[in-house]
Amino acid sequence: MTQHLRMDRTHLHRPLDSGRIPSHRVGRDRRVSGRDIAAFERRRQEERRALAECFARAETIRRGAVDELVVEP
């Protein structure tokens, strides 16, 4: 599971503990369905894409503001 998500085991505990990835315990181990892993990965990719778009829009706005400030002789 950690290889599929490209996450370190210690980082994987955070979404498991918070419930972002549903799981249940069997003894000391946690069980997670493949469907829940796929859904988590989709959400994570969508969040990354939205963040990248936000940064791109901010950069476009910044460039436009700089262009307006630059006065050509």
PDB file of N, CA and C in Angstrom:
ATOM      1  N   MET A   1       0.830  -1.187   0.000  1.00  0.00           N
ATOM      2  CA  MET A   1       0.000   0.000   0.000  1.00  0.00           C
ATOM      3  C   MET A   1       0.875   1.250   0.000  1.00  0.00           C
ATOM      4  N   THR A   2       1.948   1.265   0.779  1.00  0.00           N
ATOM      5  CA  THR A   2       2.784   2.462   0.829  1.00  0.00           C
ATOM      6  C   THR A   2       3.456   2.720  -0.514  1.00  0.00           C
ATOM      7  N   GLN A   3       3.788   1.649  -1.262  1.00  0.00           N
ATOM      8  CA  GLN A   3       4.402   1.835  -2.572  1.00  0.00           C
ATOM      9  C   GLN A   3       3.397   2.436  -3.553  1.00  0.00           C
ATOM     10  N   HIS A   4       2.163   1.963  -3.510  1.00  0.00           N
ATOM     11  CA  HIS A   4       1.129   2.468  -4.428  1.00  0.00           C
ATOM     12  C   HIS A   4       0.872   3.958  -4.188  1.00  0.00           C
ATOM     13  N   LEU A   5       0.802   4.354  -2.940  1.00  0.00           N
ATOM     14  CA  LEU A   5       0.526   5.754  -2.609  1.00  0.00           C
ATOM     15  C   LEU A   5       1.791   6.615  -2.606  1.00  0.00           C
ATOM     16  N   ARG A   6       2.938   5.956  -2.719  1.00  0.00           N
ATOM     17  CA  ARG A   6       4.218   6.656  -2.646  1.00  0.00           C
ATOM     18  C   ARG A   6       4.299   7.484  -1.364  1.00  0.00           C
ATOM     19  N   MET A   7       3.927   6.834  -0.261  1.00  0.00           N
ATOM     20  CA  MET A   7       3.952   7.474   1.056  1.00  0.00           C
ATOM     21  C   MET A   7       4.764   6.613   2.006  1.00  0.00           C
ATOM     22  N   ASP A   8       5.470   7.259   2.875  1.00  0.00           N
ATOM     23  CA  ASP A   8       6.187   6.596   3.947  1.00  0.00           C
ATOM     24  C   ASP A   8       5.167   6.027   4.940  1.00  0.00           C
ATOM     25  N   ARG A   9       5.500   4.926   5.588  1.00  0.00           N
ATOM     26  CA  ARG A   9       4.573   4.317   6.550  1.00  0.00           C
ATOM     27  C   ARG A   9       4.144   5.288   7.638  1.00  0.00           C
ATOM     28  N   THR A  10       5.080   6.083   8.132  1.00  0.00           N
ATOM     29  CA  THR A  10       4.728   7.027   9.201  1.00  0.00           C
ATOM     30  C   THR A  10       3.763   8.093   8.703  1.00  0.00           C
ATOM     31  N   HIS A  11       3.894   8.510   7.434  1.00  0.00           N
ATOM     32  CA  HIS A  11       2.969   9.501   6.881  1.00  0.00           C
ATOM     33  C   HIS A  11       1.606   8.896   6.583  1.00  0.00           C
ATOM     34  N   LEU A  12       1.570   7.610   6.340  1.00  0.00           N
ATOM     35  CA  LEU A  12       0.310   6.936   6.044  1.00  0.00           C
ATOM     36  C   LEU A  12      -0.605   6.882   7.267  1.00  0.00           C
ATOM     37  N   HIS A  13      -0.033   6.907   8.450  1.00  0.00           N
ATOM     38  CA  HIS A  13      -0.841   6.836   9.666  1.00  0.00           C
ATOM     39  C   HIS A  13      -1.752   8.057   9.826  1.00  0.00           C
ATOM     40  N   ARG A  14      -1.306   9.206   9.363  1.00  0.00           N
ATOM     41  CA  ARG A  14      -2.105  10.430   9.519  1.00  0.00           C
ATOM     42  C   ARG A  14      -3.480  10.306   8.855  1.00  0.00           C
ATOM     43  N   PRO A  15      -3.579   9.956   7.559  1.00  0.00           N
ATOM     44  CA  PRO A  15      -4.918   9.818   6.956  1.00  0.00           C
ATOM     45  C   PRO A  15      -5.695   8.629   7.506  1.00  0.00           C
ATOM     46  N   LEU A  16      -4.992   7.583   7.956  1.00  0.00           N
ATOM     47  CA  LEU A  16      -5.692   6.454   8.560  1.00  0.00           C
ATOM     48  C   LEU A  16      -6.303   6.864   9.898  1.00  0.00           C
ATOM     49  N   ASP A  17      -5.519   7.569  10.718  1.00  0.00           N
ATOM     50  CA  ASP A  17      -6.004   7.996  12.036  1.00  0.00           C
ATOM     51  C   ASP A  17      -7.145   9.003  11.927  1.00  0.00           C
ATOM     52  N   SER A  18      -7.059   9.889  10.914  1.00  0.00           N
ATOM     53  CA  SER A  18      -8.085  10.925  10.773  1.00  0.00           C
ATOM     54  C   SER A  18      -9.356  10.401  10.104  1.00  0.00           C
ATOM     55  N   GLY A  19      -9.277   9.219   9.502  1.00  0.00           N
ATOM     56  CA  GLY A  19     -10.445   8.665   8.828  1.00  0.00           C
ATOM     57  C   GLY A  19     -10.536   9.039   7.361  1.00  0.00           C
ATOM     58  N   ARG A  20      -9.542   9.766   6.843  1.00  0.00           N
ATOM     59  CA  ARG A  20      -9.551  10.096   5.411  1.00  0.00           C
ATOM     60  C   ARG A  20      -9.419   8.832   4.569  1.00  0.00           C
ATOM     61  N   ILE A  21      -8.757   7.818   5.139  1.00  0.00           N
ATOM     62  CA  ILE A  21      -8.729   6.488   4.535  1.00  0.00           C
ATOM     63  C   ILE A  21      -9.414   5.565   5.533  1.00  0.00           C
ATOM     64  N   PRO A  22     -10.597   5.068   5.209  1.00  0.00           N
ATOM     65  CA  PRO A  22     -11.291   4.172   6.136  1.00  0.00           C
ATOM     66  C   PRO A  22     -10.491   2.884   6.348  1.00  0.00           C
ATOM     67  N   SER A  23     -10.433   2.443   7.585  1.00  0.00           N
ATOM     68  CA  SER A  23      -9.725   1.197   7.891  1.00  0.00           C
ATOM     69  C   SER A  23     -10.339   0.579   9.139  1.00  0.00           C
ATOM     70  N   HIS A  24     -10.004  -0.668   9.371  1.00  0.00           N
ATOM     71  CA  HIS A  24     -10.391  -1.298  10.625  1.00  0.00           C
ATOM     72  C   HIS A  24      -9.218  -2.142  11.113  1.00  0.00           C
ATOM     73  N   ARG A  25      -9.190  -2.346  12.389  1.00  0.00           N
ATOM     74  CA  ARG A  25      -8.071  -3.063  12.994  1.00  0.00           C
ATOM     75  C   ARG A  25      -8.376  -4.543  13.128  1.00  0.00           C
ATOM     76  N   VAL A  26      -7.342  -5.327  12.869  1.00  0.00           N
ATOM     77  CA  VAL A  26      -7.363  -6.764  13.131  1.00  0.00           C
ATOM     78  C   VAL A  26      -6.112  -7.019  13.961  1.00  0.00           C
ATOM     79  N   GLY A  27      -6.308  -7.112  15.265  1.00  0.00           N
ATOM     80  CA  GLY A  27      -5.150  -7.201  16.153  1.00  0.00           C
ATOM     81  C   GLY A  27      -4.388  -5.891  16.111  1.00  0.00           C
ATOM     82  N   ARG A  28      -3.092  -5.980  15.821  1.00  0.00           N
ATOM     83  CA  ARG A  28      -2.278  -4.765  15.716  1.00  0.00           C
ATOM     84  C   ARG A  28      -2.274  -4.191  14.312  1.00  0.00           C
ATOM     85  N   ASP A  29      -2.752  -4.952  13.344  1.00  0.00           N
ATOM     86  CA  ASP A  29      -2.725  -4.538  11.939  1.00  0.00           C
ATOM     87  C   ASP A  29      -3.975  -3.747  11.569  1.00  0.00           C
ATOM     88  N   ARG A  30      -3.857  -3.002  10.484  1.00  0.00           N
ATOM     89  CA  ARG A  30      -5.003  -2.282   9.935  1.00  0.00           C
ATOM     90  C   ARG A  30      -5.342  -2.892   8.596  1.00  0.00           C
ATOM     91  N   ARG A  31      -6.618  -2.967   8.312  1.00  0.00           N
ATOM     92  CA  ARG A  31      -7.087  -3.469   7.026  1.00  0.00           C
ATOM     93  C   ARG A  31      -7.748  -2.310   6.283  1.00  0.00           C
ATOM     94  N   VAL A  32      -7.362  -2.180   5.015  1.00  0.00           N
ATOM     95  CA  VAL A  32      -7.875  -1.106   4.167  1.00  0.00           C
ATOM     96  C   VAL A  32      -8.284  -1.729   2.846  1.00  0.00           C
ATOM     97  N   SER A  33      -9.460  -1.366   2.347  1.00  0.00           N
ATOM     98  CA  SER A  33      -9.896  -1.923   1.065  1.00  0.00           C
ATOM     99  C   SER A  33      -9.202  -1.198  -0.091  1.00  0.00           C
ATOM    100  N   GLY A  34      -9.009  -1.917  -1.165  1.00  0.00           N
ATOM    101  CA  GLY A  34      -8.397  -1.335  -2.357  1.00  0.00           C
ATOM    102  C   GLY A  34      -9.229  -0.194  -2.915  1.00  0.00           C
ATOM    103  N   ARG A  35     -10.545  -0.315  -2.798  1.00  0.00           N
ATOM    104  CA  ARG A  35     -11.457   0.730  -3.274  1.00  0.00           C
ATOM    105  C   ARG A  35     -11.228   2.034  -2.498  1.00  0.00           C
ATOM    106  N   ASP A  36     -11.026   1.910  -1.179  1.00  0.00           N
ATOM    107  CA  ASP A  36     -10.786   3.107  -0.357  1.00  0.00           C
ATOM    108  C   ASP A  36      -9.434   3.739  -0.666  1.00  0.00           C
ATOM    109  N   ILE A  37      -8.442   2.912  -0.957  1.00  0.00           N
ATOM    110  CA  ILE A  37      -7.124   3.433  -1.340  1.00  0.00           C
ATOM    111  C   ILE A  37      -7.237   4.189  -2.661  1.00  0.00           C
ATOM    112  N   ALA A  38      -7.941   3.606  -3.627  1.00  0.00           N
ATOM    113  CA  ALA A  38      -8.117   4.258  -4.932  1.00  0.00           C
ATOM    114  C   ALA A  38      -8.863   5.579  -4.780  1.00  0.00           C
ATOM    115  N   ALA A  39      -9.892   5.612  -3.947  1.00  0.00           N
ATOM    116  CA  ALA A  39     -10.660   6.845  -3.732  1.00  0.00           C
ATOM    117  C   ALA A  39      -9.788   7.909  -3.073  1.00  0.00           C
ATOM    118  N   PHE A  40      -8.976   7.504  -2.102  1.00  0.00           N
ATOM    119  CA  PHE A  40      -8.074   8.451  -1.440  1.00  0.00           C
ATOM    120  C   PHE A  40      -7.079   9.015  -2.442  1.00  0.00           C
ATOM    121  N   GLU A  41      -6.519   8.149  -3.286  1.00  0.00           N
ATOM    122  CA  GLU A  41      -5.545   8.599  -4.283  1.00  0.00           C
ATOM    123  C   GLU A  41      -6.187   9.564  -5.276  1.00  0.00           C
ATOM    124  N   ARG A  42      -7.422   9.292  -5.705  1.00  0.00           N
ATOM    125  CA  ARG A  42      -8.131  10.222  -6.606  1.00  0.00           C
ATOM    126  C   ARG A  42      -8.325  11.581  -5.947  1.00  0.00           C
ATOM    127  N   ARG A  43      -8.791  11.568  -4.692  1.00  0.00           N
ATOM    128  CA  ARG A  43      -8.988  12.841  -3.977  1.00  0.00           C
ATOM    129  C   ARG A  43      -7.682  13.601  -3.828  1.00  0.00           C
ATOM    130  N   ARG A  44      -6.608  12.870  -3.521  1.00  0.00           N
ATOM    131  CA  ARG A  44      -5.304  13.508  -3.344  1.00  0.00           C
ATOM    132  C   ARG A  44      -4.829  14.131  -4.651  1.00  0.00           C
ATOM    133  N   GLN A  45      -5.019  13.433  -5.770  1.00  0.00           N
ATOM    134  CA  GLN A  45      -4.636  13.981  -7.066  1.00  0.00           C
ATOM    135  C   GLN A  45      -5.473  15.214  -7.418  1.00  0.00           C
ATOM    136  N   GLU A  46      -6.777  15.163  -7.123  1.00  0.00           N
ATOM    137  CA  GLU A  46      -7.644  16.316  -7.388  1.00  0.00           C
ATOM    138  C   GLU A  46      -7.221  17.517  -6.552  1.00  0.00           C
ATOM    139  N   GLU A  47      -6.872  17.285  -5.292  1.00  0.00           N
ATOM    140  CA  GLU A  47      -6.414  18.372  -4.425  1.00  0.00           C
ATOM    141  C   GLU A  47      -5.118  18.971  -4.946  1.00  0.00           C
ATOM    142  N   ARG A  48      -4.203  18.122  -5.390  1.00  0.00           N
ATOM    143  CA  ARG A  48      -2.933  18.610  -5.948  1.00  0.00           C
ATOM    144  C   ARG A  48      -3.173  19.419  -7.221  1.00  0.00           C
ATOM    145  N   ARG A  49      -4.074  18.920  -8.076  1.00  0.00           N
ATOM    146  CA  ARG A  49      -4.375  19.621  -9.324  1.00  0.00           C
ATOM    147  C   ARG A  49      -4.984  20.995  -9.029  1.00  0.00           C
ATOM    148  N   ALA A  50      -5.917  21.046  -8.072  1.00  0.00           N
ATOM    149  CA  ALA A  50      -6.551  22.317  -7.714  1.00  0.00           C
ATOM    150  C   ALA A  50      -5.521  23.291  -7.149  1.00  0.00           C
ATOM    151  N   LEU A  51      -4.607  22.804  -6.336  1.00  0.00           N
ATOM    152  CA  LEU A  51      -3.575  23.664  -5.774  1.00  0.00           C
ATOM    153  C   LEU A  51      -2.654  24.195  -6.863  1.00  0.00           C
ATOM    154  N   ALA A  52      -2.279  23.330  -7.806  1.00  0.00           N
ATOM    155  CA  ALA A  52      -1.428  23.762  -8.917  1.00  0.00           C
ATOM    156  C   ALA A  52      -2.135  24.827  -9.762  1.00  0.00           C
ATOM    157  N   GLU A  53      -3.436  24.639 -10.002  1.00  0.00           N
ATOM    158  CA  GLU A  53      -4.192  25.633 -10.767  1.00  0.00           C
ATOM    159  C   GLU A  53      -4.270  26.954 -10.014  1.00  0.00           C
ATOM    160  N   CYS A  54      -4.415  26.877  -8.712  1.00  0.00           N
ATOM    161  CA  CYS A  54      -4.465  28.091  -7.882  1.00  0.00           C
ATOM    162  C   CYS A  54      -3.145  28.859  -7.984  1.00  0.00           C
ATOM    163  N   PHE A  55      -2.035  28.138  -7.892  1.00  0.00           N
ATOM    164  CA  PHE A  55      -0.726  28.784  -8.011  1.00  0.00           C
ATOM    165  C   PHE A  55      -0.532  29.362  -9.408  1.00  0.00           C
ATOM    166  N   ALA A  56      -1.004  28.658 -10.419  1.00  0.00           N
ATOM    167  CA  ALA A  56      -0.866  29.150 -11.793  1.00  0.00           C
ATOM    168  C   ALA A  56      -1.667  30.438 -11.982  1.00  0.00           C
ATOM    169  N   ARG A  57      -2.891  30.462 -11.435  1.00  0.00           N
ATOM    170  CA  ARG A  57      -3.705  31.685 -11.528  1.00  0.00           C
ATOM    171  C   ARG A  57      -3.036  32.834 -10.786  1.00  0.00           C
ATOM    172  N   ALA A  58      -2.494  32.557  -9.622  1.00  0.00           N
ATOM    173  CA  ALA A  58      -1.825  33.607  -8.842  1.00  0.00           C
ATOM    174  C   ALA A  58      -0.615  34.146  -9.610  1.00  0.00           C
ATOM    175  N   GLU A  59       0.126  33.258 -10.252  1.00  0.00           N
ATOM    176  CA  GLU A  59       1.290  33.685 -11.030  1.00  0.00           C
ATOM    177  C   GLU A  59       0.855  34.526 -12.226  1.00  0.00           C
ATOM    178  N   THR A  60      -0.241  34.152 -12.874  1.00  0.00           N
ATOM    179  CA  THR A  60      -0.753  34.925 -14.005  1.00  0.00           C
ATOM    180  C   THR A  60      -1.185  36.316 -13.548  1.00  0.00           C
ATOM    181  N   ILE A  61      -1.855  36.386 -12.426  1.00  0.00           N
ATOM    182  CA  ILE A  61      -2.285  37.682 -11.881  1.00  0.00           C
ATOM    183  C   ILE A  61      -1.074  38.533 -11.523  1.00  0.00           C
ATOM    184  N   ARG A  62      -0.059  37.889 -10.903  1.00  0.00           N
ATOM    185  CA  ARG A  62       1.153  38.630 -10.520  1.00  0.00           C
ATOM    186  C   ARG A  62       1.845  39.175 -11.761  1.00  0.00           C
ATOM    187  N   ARG A  63       1.966  38.355 -12.800  1.00  0.00           N
ATOM    188  CA  ARG A  63       2.604  38.823 -14.034  1.00  0.00           C
ATOM    189  C   ARG A  63       1.831  39.993 -14.644  1.00  0.00           C
ATOM    190  N   GLY A  64       0.509  39.900 -14.627  1.00  0.00           N
ATOM    191  CA  GLY A  64      -0.307  40.985 -15.171  1.00  0.00           C
ATOM    192  C   GLY A  64      -0.111  42.267 -14.383  1.00  0.00           C
ATOM    193  N   ALA A  65      -0.017  42.158 -13.076  1.00  0.00           N
ATOM    194  CA  ALA A  65       0.188  43.343 -12.243  1.00  0.00           C
ATOM    195  C   ALA A  65       1.560  43.949 -12.505  1.00  0.00           C
ATOM    196  N   VAL A  66       2.571  43.106 -12.663  1.00  0.00           N
ATOM    197  CA  VAL A  66       3.917  43.609 -12.946  1.00  0.00           C
ATOM    198  C   VAL A  66       3.941  44.284 -14.304  1.00  0.00           C
ATOM    199  N   ASP A  67       3.283  43.678 -15.282  1.00  0.00           N
ATOM    200  CA  ASP A  67       3.237  44.267 -16.614  1.00  0.00           C
ATOM    201  C   ASP A  67       2.565  45.643 -16.593  1.00  0.00           C
ATOM    202  N   GLU A  68       1.530  45.810 -15.764  1.00  0.00           N
ATOM    203  CA  GLU A  68       0.865  47.101 -15.668  1.00  0.00           C
ATOM    204  C   GLU A  68       1.743  48.141 -14.990  1.00  0.00           C
ATOM    205  N   LEU A  69       2.603  47.704 -14.081  1.00  0.00           N
ATOM    206  CA  LEU A  69       3.474  48.633 -13.378  1.00  0.00           C
ATOM    207  C   LEU A  69       4.656  49.071 -14.237  1.00  0.00           C
ATOM    208  N   VAL A  70       5.060  48.234 -15.156  1.00  0.00           N
ATOM    209  CA  VAL A  70       6.199  48.556 -15.998  1.00  0.00           C
ATOM    210  C   VAL A  70       5.746  49.573 -17.039  1.00  0.00           C
ATOM    211  N   VAL A  71       6.392  50.687 -17.010  1.00  0.00           N
ATOM    212  CA  VAL A  71       6.064  51.761 -17.961  1.00  0.00           C
ATOM    213  C   VAL A  71       7.182  51.802 -18.975  1.00  0.00           C
ATOM    214  N   GLU A  72       6.808  51.578 -20.222  1.00  0.00           N
ATOM    215  CA  GLU A  72       7.822  51.640 -21.273  1.00  0.00           C
ATOM    216  C   GLU A  72       8.008  53.076 -21.710  1.00  0.00           C
ATOM    217  N   PRO A  73       9.288  53.456 -21.955  1.00  0.00           N
ATOM    218  CA  PRO A  73       9.567  54.851 -22.393  1.00  0.00           C
ATOM    219  C   PRO A  73       9.109  55.133 -23.791  1.00  0.00           C
TER     220      PRO A  73
END
